[in-house]
Structure formats: C-alpha cells, structure tokens
Amino acid sequence: MVNIDRQQVDVVGCLIDVSDVSTAAEKIVSLAKHQRQGYVCLANVHMCMTAKDDLAFAAVLRQASLVVADGRPVYWAQRLLGAQSARQVRGVDLMLELCKLAETTGLKLGFYGGQDETLLTQLQQQLLSMFPRLQIVYAWAPPFRPLSEQEDALQRRRMINSGADVLLVGLGCPKQECWMAEHQQLPLVMLGVGAAFDFIAGRKKQAHRLFQRLGLEWLHRLFSEPVRLSGRYFRHNPRFILGFTKQWLRSLIMKSTS
C-alpha cells in the first residue's frame, strides 16, 4: 500500500518514505533550519522485522520525521509495491551527502555513538579531509552501559550548548532509534546511521558495489562479523522474505480483481 500524502509504502507493516539520497539530505537540512526537532531512521530488514515483533519499537518508527530504505531488499519491496520512484538510501551515502550540504549551508554537526573516542577522531579527520569547511561542534562515544540521569543530562546540555543543528547517532538498531525517540525534544535533528561511522572512518570495509546492487551486503557483513550478526540475519531474513512475498501476492490479487 502506498501512502500518497507523505509518499510512503507499507513494507511488512513498516511505513517507508519514497525518497533518494539527495531528497533525504535536503529534507534533513530543511528540518534543521525550520523545525529544529525530529529524527530520521534508515530502514533495513532488521529494523522492519524488529518493528513487527515489538509494538513499542513500531511506535518509535511511526514518530520519525522520515524513514527511508537503507536496505536493498526494503527498496526492492517499495518498487514491487508500486513506488517506481523509490531509491535506496544507504546510511554512508546519506551521511556524506548531508556533510556536503552542511558544508555549503553552514549547518553544524554533532556525533553521538561509535565504539570509542578514537573512532570519532578518525571519523572527523576523514570527513574534514573531504569537506574542509565542515563544522563539527560535538562528538561523544557513550559507554556500553545505560547512562545515569546525571550523565545523560550533562550530554544533553553539551549538545544544546554546542549549537549543533544535526546530530548523527551511531548506536546500532534498535538502540539508536529508541534513543532518538527518547530525546526528540532536543532542539536539533537526529539521524540514526548505524555502522556508517565505522565505514567512513575506515574501521570496517564496505561491501563491493556488486554485492550492494545484488542485495547481498548482509552476506558481506555476515562474513565480517559472524558471531555478532548470524543470529540477526538467520532470524529475520527468512521471515522478511516470507512476509513480504505474502504481502506482494495479496497486492497482485487485489489489483487483478479491482
């Protein structure tokens, strides 16, 4: 089903915006300039199936200002359901396009997440080598434990005082989406980018373009991190394929009988 008002497509119960990299980046810039609140999610199979299993997480996605198709299978699903203008919006591509626009518009960026401070330093160095006039005003890698109220309040104050317009959040799904929803009253726009910090900083190698085009980026990542990712992929991928196949066949039957 396509939602005409916001150009969304229902993919196994998740409403995914029809977009492309340039349009999504421009939308984030517009939100940062005019609304100064909200968050953007990058949907892949893992995110869609987590939302299907968890009603609270599904509500988090519904509250987002924008949900775009990060995963190739999600993009294919949009196209098969009738959204021919849909394009894949990979986290790395969107982050780099956003940095390009931020450099020319003067928007200030912040980074929250990543494995450690060294990663954030490498990330900033890499981005500044590509975008020398980019303004990075905040960066923090939180510890791998829940923050105390005092720690969280301190970081909120730091974010606000930094003057950041857009905060890039790299905590992984579903943690980063839940974190953004809990902090959506901050006077800035948040973008959950998953592993994009690692890819841009050079900590992790991206899949070959052929793998990306064939929708096999997950396989590359599985070989790279089998212990961490095998459970996720073997649990979610077959269910997504089955669930979407049923949805697509229903849509074909409805078209043929209408």
C-alpha atoms as a PDB file:
ATOM      1  CA  MET A   1       0.000   0.000   0.000  1.00  0.00           C
ATOM      2  CA  VAL A   2       1.266   3.479  -0.925  1.00  0.00           C
ATOM      3  CA  ASN A   3       0.513   6.431   1.369  1.00  0.00           C
ATOM      4  CA  ILE A   4       0.088   9.309  -1.113  1.00  0.00           C
ATOM      5  CA  ASP A   5       0.142  12.186   1.420  1.00  0.00           C
ATOM      6  CA  ARG A   6       3.691  11.501   2.570  1.00  0.00           C
ATOM      7  CA  GLN A   7       4.700   9.178  -0.272  1.00  0.00           C
ATOM      8  CA  GLN A   8       5.124   6.170   1.980  1.00  0.00           C
ATOM      9  CA  VAL A   9       4.897   2.475   1.239  1.00  0.00           C
ATOM     10  CA  ASP A  10       3.829  -0.144   3.771  1.00  0.00           C
ATOM     11  CA  VAL A  11       6.527  -2.840   3.761  1.00  0.00           C
ATOM     12  CA  VAL A  12       5.602  -5.749   6.099  1.00  0.00           C
ATOM     13  CA  GLY A  13       3.880  -3.245   8.384  1.00  0.00           C
ATOM     14  CA  CYS A  14       6.547  -0.500   8.295  1.00  0.00           C
ATOM     15  CA  LEU A  15       5.771   2.765   6.531  1.00  0.00           C
ATOM     16  CA  ILE A  16       8.842   3.617   4.435  1.00  0.00           C
ATOM     17  CA  ASP A  17       9.142   7.009   2.729  1.00  0.00           C
ATOM     18  CA  VAL A  18       9.737   7.085  -1.014  1.00  0.00           C
ATOM     19  CA  SER A  19      12.964   9.030  -1.361  1.00  0.00           C
ATOM     20  CA  ASP A  20      16.514   9.147  -2.680  1.00  0.00           C
ATOM     21  CA  VAL A  21      19.826  10.285  -1.202  1.00  0.00           C
ATOM     22  CA  SER A  22      19.611  13.908  -2.373  1.00  0.00           C
ATOM     23  CA  THR A  23      15.969  14.353  -1.382  1.00  0.00           C
ATOM     24  CA  ALA A  24      16.502  12.801   2.051  1.00  0.00           C
ATOM     25  CA  ALA A  25      19.541  15.002   2.739  1.00  0.00           C
ATOM     26  CA  GLU A  26      17.642  18.117   1.655  1.00  0.00           C
ATOM     27  CA  LYS A  27      14.740  17.116   3.917  1.00  0.00           C
ATOM     28  CA  ILE A  28      17.101  16.850   6.891  1.00  0.00           C
ATOM     29  CA  VAL A  29      18.586  20.274   6.125  1.00  0.00           C
ATOM     30  CA  SER A  30      15.078  21.738   5.887  1.00  0.00           C
ATOM     31  CA  LEU A  31      14.078  20.176   9.211  1.00  0.00           C
ATOM     32  CA  ALA A  32      17.239  21.535  10.828  1.00  0.00           C
ATOM     33  CA  LYS A  33      16.640  25.047   9.522  1.00  0.00           C
ATOM     34  CA  HIS A  34      12.918  25.354  10.155  1.00  0.00           C
ATOM     35  CA  GLN A  35      11.604  22.752  12.596  1.00  0.00           C
ATOM     36  CA  ARG A  36      14.778  22.142  14.641  1.00  0.00           C
ATOM     37  CA  GLN A  37      13.409  18.881  16.007  1.00  0.00           C
ATOM     38  CA  GLY A  38      12.719  15.342  14.873  1.00  0.00           C
ATOM     39  CA  TYR A  39      14.620  12.237  13.853  1.00  0.00           C
ATOM     40  CA  VAL A  40      15.275  10.196  10.736  1.00  0.00           C
ATOM     41  CA  CYS A  41      15.538   6.392  10.512  1.00  0.00           C
ATOM     42  CA  LEU A  42      17.244   4.206   7.917  1.00  0.00           C
ATOM     43  CA  ALA A  43      15.187   1.052   7.472  1.00  0.00           C
ATOM     44  CA  ASN A  44      16.626  -2.364   6.653  1.00  0.00           C
ATOM     45  CA  VAL A  45      15.271  -5.887   7.106  1.00  0.00           C
ATOM     46  CA  HIS A  46      16.422  -5.991  10.733  1.00  0.00           C
ATOM     47  CA  MET A  47      14.561  -2.782  11.554  1.00  0.00           C
ATOM     48  CA  CYS A  48      11.370  -3.816   9.768  1.00  0.00           C
ATOM     49  CA  MET A  49      11.207  -7.187  11.493  1.00  0.00           C
ATOM     50  CA  THR A  50      12.064  -5.699  14.890  1.00  0.00           C
ATOM     51  CA  ALA A  51       9.136  -3.317  14.449  1.00  0.00           C
ATOM     52  CA  LYS A  52       6.896  -6.240  13.502  1.00  0.00           C
ATOM     53  CA  ASP A  53       7.863  -8.074  16.698  1.00  0.00           C
ATOM     54  CA  ASP A  54       7.875  -5.072  19.055  1.00  0.00           C
ATOM     55  CA  LEU A  55       4.895  -2.700  19.136  1.00  0.00           C
ATOM     56  CA  ALA A  56       6.802  -0.120  21.162  1.00  0.00           C
ATOM     57  CA  PHE A  57       9.556  -0.019  18.555  1.00  0.00           C
ATOM     58  CA  ALA A  58       6.958   0.203  15.782  1.00  0.00           C
ATOM     59  CA  ALA A  59       5.620   3.315  17.523  1.00  0.00           C
ATOM     60  CA  VAL A  60       9.145   4.770  17.552  1.00  0.00           C
ATOM     61  CA  LEU A  61       9.308   4.442  13.755  1.00  0.00           C
ATOM     62  CA  ARG A  62       5.854   5.989  13.311  1.00  0.00           C
ATOM     63  CA  GLN A  63       7.003   9.070  15.240  1.00  0.00           C
ATOM     64  CA  ALA A  64      10.001   9.618  12.944  1.00  0.00           C
ATOM     65  CA  SER A  65      10.062  12.617  10.614  1.00  0.00           C
ATOM     66  CA  LEU A  66      11.411  10.414   7.832  1.00  0.00           C
ATOM     67  CA  VAL A  67      12.018   6.670   7.367  1.00  0.00           C
ATOM     68  CA  VAL A  68      13.975   5.764   4.237  1.00  0.00           C
ATOM     69  CA  ALA A  69      15.032   2.482   2.634  1.00  0.00           C
ATOM     70  CA  ASP A  70      18.603   1.811   3.704  1.00  0.00           C
ATOM     71  CA  GLY A  71      18.475  -1.902   2.888  1.00  0.00           C
ATOM     72  CA  ARG A  72      18.337  -3.093  -0.716  1.00  0.00           C
ATOM     73  CA  PRO A  73      15.511  -5.591  -0.024  1.00  0.00           C
ATOM     74  CA  VAL A  74      13.391  -2.818   1.514  1.00  0.00           C
ATOM     75  CA  TYR A  75      13.963  -0.646  -1.556  1.00  0.00           C
ATOM     76  CA  TRP A  76      13.056  -3.558  -3.848  1.00  0.00           C
ATOM     77  CA  ALA A  77       9.892  -4.108  -1.824  1.00  0.00           C
ATOM     78  CA  GLN A  78       8.865  -0.475  -2.321  1.00  0.00           C
ATOM     79  CA  ARG A  79       9.338  -0.807  -6.078  1.00  0.00           C
ATOM     80  CA  LEU A  80       7.418  -4.080  -6.302  1.00  0.00           C
ATOM     81  CA  LEU A  81       4.532  -2.461  -4.433  1.00  0.00           C
ATOM     82  CA  GLY A  82       4.275   0.331  -6.976  1.00  0.00           C
ATOM     83  CA  ALA A  83       6.658   3.089  -5.857  1.00  0.00           C
ATOM     84  CA  GLN A  84       8.736   3.255  -9.028  1.00  0.00           C
ATOM     85  CA  SER A  85      10.478   6.492  -7.992  1.00  0.00           C
ATOM     86  CA  ALA A  86      11.857   4.903  -4.810  1.00  0.00           C
ATOM     87  CA  ARG A  87      15.618   4.641  -4.455  1.00  0.00           C
ATOM     88  CA  GLN A  88      17.911   3.012  -1.910  1.00  0.00           C
ATOM     89  CA  VAL A  89      19.247   5.485   0.661  1.00  0.00           C
ATOM     90  CA  ARG A  90      22.330   3.877   2.208  1.00  0.00           C
ATOM     91  CA  GLY A  91      23.492   5.313   5.507  1.00  0.00           C
ATOM     92  CA  VAL A  92      27.021   6.060   4.292  1.00  0.00           C
ATOM     93  CA  ASP A  93      25.758   7.790   1.139  1.00  0.00           C
ATOM     94  CA  LEU A  94      23.220   9.867   3.059  1.00  0.00           C
ATOM     95  CA  MET A  95      25.752  10.864   5.699  1.00  0.00           C
ATOM     96  CA  LEU A  96      28.257  12.034   3.074  1.00  0.00           C
ATOM     97  CA  GLU A  97      25.594  13.927   1.121  1.00  0.00           C
ATOM     98  CA  LEU A  98      24.450  15.580   4.339  1.00  0.00           C
ATOM     99  CA  CYS A  99      28.030  16.601   5.152  1.00  0.00           C
ATOM    100  CA  LYS A 100      28.341  18.138   1.676  1.00  0.00           C
ATOM    101  CA  LEU A 101      25.172  20.176   2.200  1.00  0.00           C
ATOM    102  CA  ALA A 102      26.186  21.129   5.740  1.00  0.00           C
ATOM    103  CA  GLU A 103      29.487  22.475   4.439  1.00  0.00           C
ATOM    104  CA  THR A 104      27.746  24.747   1.938  1.00  0.00           C
ATOM    105  CA  THR A 105      24.837  25.819   4.167  1.00  0.00           C
ATOM    106  CA  GLY A 106      26.796  26.299   7.386  1.00  0.00           C
ATOM    107  CA  LEU A 107      24.879  23.717   9.396  1.00  0.00           C
ATOM    108  CA  LYS A 108      26.765  22.442  12.437  1.00  0.00           C
ATOM    109  CA  LEU A 109      27.060  18.695  13.021  1.00  0.00           C
ATOM    110  CA  GLY A 110      27.472  16.547  16.107  1.00  0.00           C
ATOM    111  CA  PHE A 111      28.281  12.853  16.532  1.00  0.00           C
ATOM    112  CA  TYR A 112      26.911  10.580  19.255  1.00  0.00           C
ATOM    113  CA  GLY A 113      27.916   6.916  19.348  1.00  0.00           C
ATOM    114  CA  GLY A 114      30.622   4.761  17.889  1.00  0.00           C
ATOM    115  CA  GLN A 115      32.871   2.260  19.579  1.00  0.00           C
ATOM    116  CA  ASP A 116      35.241   4.750  21.218  1.00  0.00           C
ATOM    117  CA  GLU A 117      36.661   8.267  21.088  1.00  0.00           C
ATOM    118  CA  THR A 118      39.454   7.128  18.772  1.00  0.00           C
ATOM    119  CA  LEU A 119      36.872   6.113  16.187  1.00  0.00           C
ATOM    120  CA  LEU A 120      35.209   9.516  16.415  1.00  0.00           C
ATOM    121  CA  THR A 121      38.574  11.215  15.951  1.00  0.00           C
ATOM    122  CA  GLN A 122      39.254   9.093  12.861  1.00  0.00           C
ATOM    123  CA  LEU A 123      35.757   9.845  11.582  1.00  0.00           C
ATOM    124  CA  GLN A 124      36.194  13.591  11.989  1.00  0.00           C
ATOM    125  CA  GLN A 125      39.605  13.526  10.324  1.00  0.00           C
ATOM    126  CA  GLN A 126      38.233  11.615   7.356  1.00  0.00           C
ATOM    127  CA  LEU A 127      35.225  13.900   6.951  1.00  0.00           C
ATOM    128  CA  LEU A 128      37.296  17.078   7.265  1.00  0.00           C
ATOM    129  CA  SER A 129      39.661  15.789   4.591  1.00  0.00           C
ATOM    130  CA  MET A 130      36.657  15.549   2.255  1.00  0.00           C
ATOM    131  CA  PHE A 131      34.770  18.616   3.494  1.00  0.00           C
ATOM    132  CA  PRO A 132      37.337  21.104   4.879  1.00  0.00           C
ATOM    133  CA  ARG A 133      34.749  23.738   5.868  1.00  0.00           C
ATOM    134  CA  LEU A 134      32.516  21.276   7.701  1.00  0.00           C
ATOM    135  CA  GLN A 135      31.663  22.453  11.222  1.00  0.00           C
ATOM    136  CA  ILE A 136      31.785  19.611  13.756  1.00  0.00           C
ATOM    137  CA  VAL A 137      30.881  21.030  17.159  1.00  0.00           C
ATOM    138  CA  TYR A 138      30.115  17.962  19.293  1.00  0.00           C
ATOM    139  CA  ALA A 139      31.333  14.364  19.488  1.00  0.00           C
ATOM    140  CA  TRP A 140      30.959  11.748  22.206  1.00  0.00           C
ATOM    141  CA  ALA A 141      31.150   7.956  22.336  1.00  0.00           C
ATOM    142  CA  PRO A 142      28.968   6.807  25.257  1.00  0.00           C
ATOM    143  CA  PRO A 143      29.993   3.787  27.333  1.00  0.00           C
ATOM    144  CA  PHE A 144      28.429   0.384  26.675  1.00  0.00           C
ATOM    145  CA  ARG A 145      26.056   0.647  29.634  1.00  0.00           C
ATOM    146  CA  PRO A 146      22.972   2.698  30.481  1.00  0.00           C
ATOM    147  CA  LEU A 147      23.831   6.286  31.362  1.00  0.00           C
ATOM    148  CA  SER A 148      22.866   7.708  34.720  1.00  0.00           C
ATOM    149  CA  GLU A 149      20.371  10.584  34.712  1.00  0.00           C
ATOM    150  CA  GLN A 150      23.233  12.944  35.542  1.00  0.00           C
ATOM    151  CA  GLU A 151      25.383  11.684  32.654  1.00  0.00           C
ATOM    152  CA  ASP A 152      22.515  11.929  30.205  1.00  0.00           C
ATOM    153  CA  ALA A 153      21.614  15.432  31.372  1.00  0.00           C
ATOM    154  CA  LEU A 154      25.246  16.523  31.005  1.00  0.00           C
ATOM    155  CA  GLN A 155      25.397  15.318  27.407  1.00  0.00           C
ATOM    156  CA  ARG A 156      22.070  16.952  26.567  1.00  0.00           C
ATOM    157  CA  ARG A 157      23.433  20.261  27.852  1.00  0.00           C
ATOM    158  CA  ARG A 158      26.636  19.771  25.857  1.00  0.00           C
ATOM    159  CA  MET A 159      24.660  19.088  22.687  1.00  0.00           C
ATOM    160  CA  ILE A 160      22.495  22.170  23.166  1.00  0.00           C
ATOM    161  CA  ASN A 161      25.395  24.441  24.126  1.00  0.00           C
ATOM    162  CA  SER A 162      27.422  23.252  21.137  1.00  0.00           C
ATOM    163  CA  GLY A 163      24.876  24.745  18.763  1.00  0.00           C
ATOM    164  CA  ALA A 164      24.659  21.536  16.719  1.00  0.00           C
ATOM    165  CA  ASP A 165      21.910  21.607  14.099  1.00  0.00           C
ATOM    166  CA  VAL A 166      22.078  17.910  13.191  1.00  0.00           C
ATOM    167  CA  LEU A 167      23.185  15.044  15.429  1.00  0.00           C
ATOM    168  CA  LEU A 168      24.387  11.858  13.728  1.00  0.00           C
ATOM    169  CA  VAL A 169      23.692   8.891  16.010  1.00  0.00           C
ATOM    170  CA  GLY A 170      25.652   5.656  15.625  1.00  0.00           C
ATOM    171  CA  LEU A 171      24.409   3.249  18.300  1.00  0.00           C
ATOM    172  CA  GLY A 172      23.019   0.490  16.075  1.00  0.00           C
ATOM    173  CA  CYS A 173      19.427  -0.651  15.627  1.00  0.00           C
ATOM    174  CA  PRO A 174      17.172  -0.627  17.631  1.00  0.00           C
ATOM    175  CA  LYS A 175      19.121   1.225  20.322  1.00  0.00           C
ATOM    176  CA  GLN A 176      19.727   4.376  18.299  1.00  0.00           C
ATOM    177  CA  GLU A 177      16.097   4.721  17.193  1.00  0.00           C
ATOM    178  CA  CYS A 178      14.848   4.336  20.767  1.00  0.00           C
ATOM    179  CA  TRP A 179      17.461   6.829  21.969  1.00  0.00           C
ATOM    180  CA  MET A 180      16.378   9.374  19.352  1.00  0.00           C
ATOM    181  CA  ALA A 181      12.712   8.965  20.265  1.00  0.00           C
ATOM    182  CA  GLU A 182      13.517   9.481  23.942  1.00  0.00           C
ATOM    183  CA  HIS A 183      15.498  12.637  23.115  1.00  0.00           C
ATOM    184  CA  GLN A 184      13.292  14.069  20.375  1.00  0.00           C
ATOM    185  CA  GLN A 185      12.662  17.267  22.347  1.00  0.00           C
ATOM    186  CA  LEU A 186      16.279  18.327  21.792  1.00  0.00           C
ATOM    187  CA  PRO A 187      16.459  21.446  19.561  1.00  0.00           C
ATOM    188  CA  LEU A 188      18.196  19.631  16.709  1.00  0.00           C
ATOM    189  CA  VAL A 189      17.502  16.970  14.080  1.00  0.00           C
ATOM    190  CA  MET A 190      18.828  13.452  14.647  1.00  0.00           C
ATOM    191  CA  LEU A 191      19.824  10.867  12.050  1.00  0.00           C
ATOM    192  CA  GLY A 192      20.464   7.237  13.010  1.00  0.00           C
ATOM    193  CA  VAL A 193      23.290   5.988  10.808  1.00  0.00           C
ATOM    194  CA  GLY A 194      24.164   2.574  12.275  1.00  0.00           C
ATOM    195  CA  ALA A 195      27.607   1.395  11.182  1.00  0.00           C
ATOM    196  CA  ALA A 196      28.283   4.386   8.892  1.00  0.00           C
ATOM    197  CA  PHE A 197      30.754   5.804  11.436  1.00  0.00           C
ATOM    198  CA  ASP A 198      32.867   2.646  11.123  1.00  0.00           C
ATOM    199  CA  PHE A 199      32.725   2.561   7.327  1.00  0.00           C
ATOM    200  CA  ILE A 200      33.637   6.206   6.784  1.00  0.00           C
ATOM    201  CA  ALA A 201      36.375   6.129   9.433  1.00  0.00           C
ATOM    202  CA  GLY A 202      37.865   3.025   7.810  1.00  0.00           C
ATOM    203  CA  ARG A 203      37.317   0.697  10.764  1.00  0.00           C
ATOM    204  CA  LYS A 204      35.153  -1.634   8.672  1.00  0.00           C
ATOM    205  CA  LYS A 205      35.288  -2.384   4.962  1.00  0.00           C
ATOM    206  CA  GLN A 206      32.177  -1.788   2.892  1.00  0.00           C
ATOM    207  CA  ALA A 207      30.799  -4.495   0.639  1.00  0.00           C
ATOM    208  CA  HIS A 208      31.798  -4.387  -3.022  1.00  0.00           C
ATOM    209  CA  ARG A 209      29.370  -2.387  -5.171  1.00  0.00           C
ATOM    210  CA  LEU A 210      28.277  -5.576  -6.932  1.00  0.00           C
ATOM    211  CA  PHE A 211      27.263  -7.112  -3.597  1.00  0.00           C
ATOM    212  CA  GLN A 212      25.374  -3.925  -2.769  1.00  0.00           C
ATOM    213  CA  ARG A 213      23.483  -3.902  -6.082  1.00  0.00           C
ATOM    214  CA  LEU A 214      22.575  -7.589  -5.694  1.00  0.00           C
ATOM    215  CA  GLY A 215      21.215  -7.008  -2.194  1.00  0.00           C
ATOM    216  CA  LEU A 216      23.983  -9.133  -0.651  1.00  0.00           C
ATOM    217  CA  GLU A 217      25.585  -6.526   1.572  1.00  0.00           C
ATOM    218  CA  TRP A 218      24.247  -8.501   4.524  1.00  0.00           C
ATOM    219  CA  LEU A 219      26.295 -11.509   3.376  1.00  0.00           C
ATOM    220  CA  HIS A 220      29.485  -9.446   3.303  1.00  0.00           C
ATOM    221  CA  ARG A 221      28.777  -8.198   6.811  1.00  0.00           C
ATOM    222  CA  LEU A 222      27.945 -11.723   7.991  1.00  0.00           C
ATOM    223  CA  PHE A 223      31.356 -12.977   6.839  1.00  0.00           C
ATOM    224  CA  SER A 224      32.986  -9.963   8.518  1.00  0.00           C
ATOM    225  CA  GLU A 225      31.166 -10.337  11.865  1.00  0.00           C
ATOM    226  CA  PRO A 226      29.662 -13.863  12.018  1.00  0.00           C
ATOM    227  CA  VAL A 227      29.332 -14.092  15.796  1.00  0.00           C
ATOM    228  CA  ARG A 228      27.504 -10.788  16.183  1.00  0.00           C
ATOM    229  CA  LEU A 229      25.315 -10.886  13.084  1.00  0.00           C
ATOM    230  CA  SER A 230      24.493 -14.534  12.336  1.00  0.00           C
ATOM    231  CA  GLY A 231      21.570 -14.693  14.762  1.00  0.00           C
ATOM    232  CA  ARG A 232      20.086 -11.475  13.407  1.00  0.00           C
ATOM    233  CA  TYR A 233      20.260 -12.438   9.751  1.00  0.00           C
ATOM    234  CA  PHE A 234      19.134 -16.052  10.106  1.00  0.00           C
ATOM    235  CA  ARG A 235      16.251 -14.997  12.324  1.00  0.00           C
ATOM    236  CA  HIS A 236      14.990 -12.011  10.337  1.00  0.00           C
ATOM    237  CA  ASN A 237      15.829 -12.553   6.649  1.00  0.00           C
ATOM    238  CA  PRO A 238      13.672 -15.673   6.008  1.00  0.00           C
ATOM    239  CA  ARG A 239      10.740 -14.117   7.871  1.00  0.00           C
ATOM    240  CA  PHE A 240      11.026 -10.906   5.863  1.00  0.00           C
ATOM    241  CA  ILE A 241      11.081 -12.821   2.570  1.00  0.00           C
ATOM    242  CA  LEU A 242       8.057 -14.903   3.572  1.00  0.00           C
ATOM    243  CA  GLY A 243       6.131 -11.945   4.986  1.00  0.00           C
ATOM    244  CA  PHE A 244       6.782  -9.708   2.021  1.00  0.00           C
ATOM    245  CA  THR A 245       6.005 -12.455  -0.511  1.00  0.00           C
ATOM    246  CA  LYS A 246       2.574 -12.879   1.091  1.00  0.00           C
ATOM    247  CA  GLN A 247       2.044  -9.107   1.075  1.00  0.00           C
ATOM    248  CA  TRP A 248       3.098  -8.775  -2.567  1.00  0.00           C
ATOM    249  CA  LEU A 249       0.890 -11.655  -3.724  1.00  0.00           C
ATOM    250  CA  ARG A 250      -2.079 -10.104  -1.892  1.00  0.00           C
ATOM    251  CA  SER A 251      -1.396  -6.803  -3.658  1.00  0.00           C
ATOM    252  CA  LEU A 252      -1.313  -8.556  -7.048  1.00  0.00           C
ATOM    253  CA  ILE A 253      -4.606 -10.326  -6.321  1.00  0.00           C
ATOM    254  CA  MET A 254      -6.215  -7.041  -5.252  1.00  0.00           C
ATOM    255  CA  LYS A 255      -5.055  -5.348  -8.470  1.00  0.00           C
ATOM    256  CA  SER A 256      -6.348  -8.184 -10.636  1.00  0.00           C
ATOM    257  CA  THR A 257      -9.785  -8.090  -9.004  1.00  0.00           C
ATOM    258  CA  SER A 258     -10.197  -4.318  -8.871  1.00  0.00           C
END
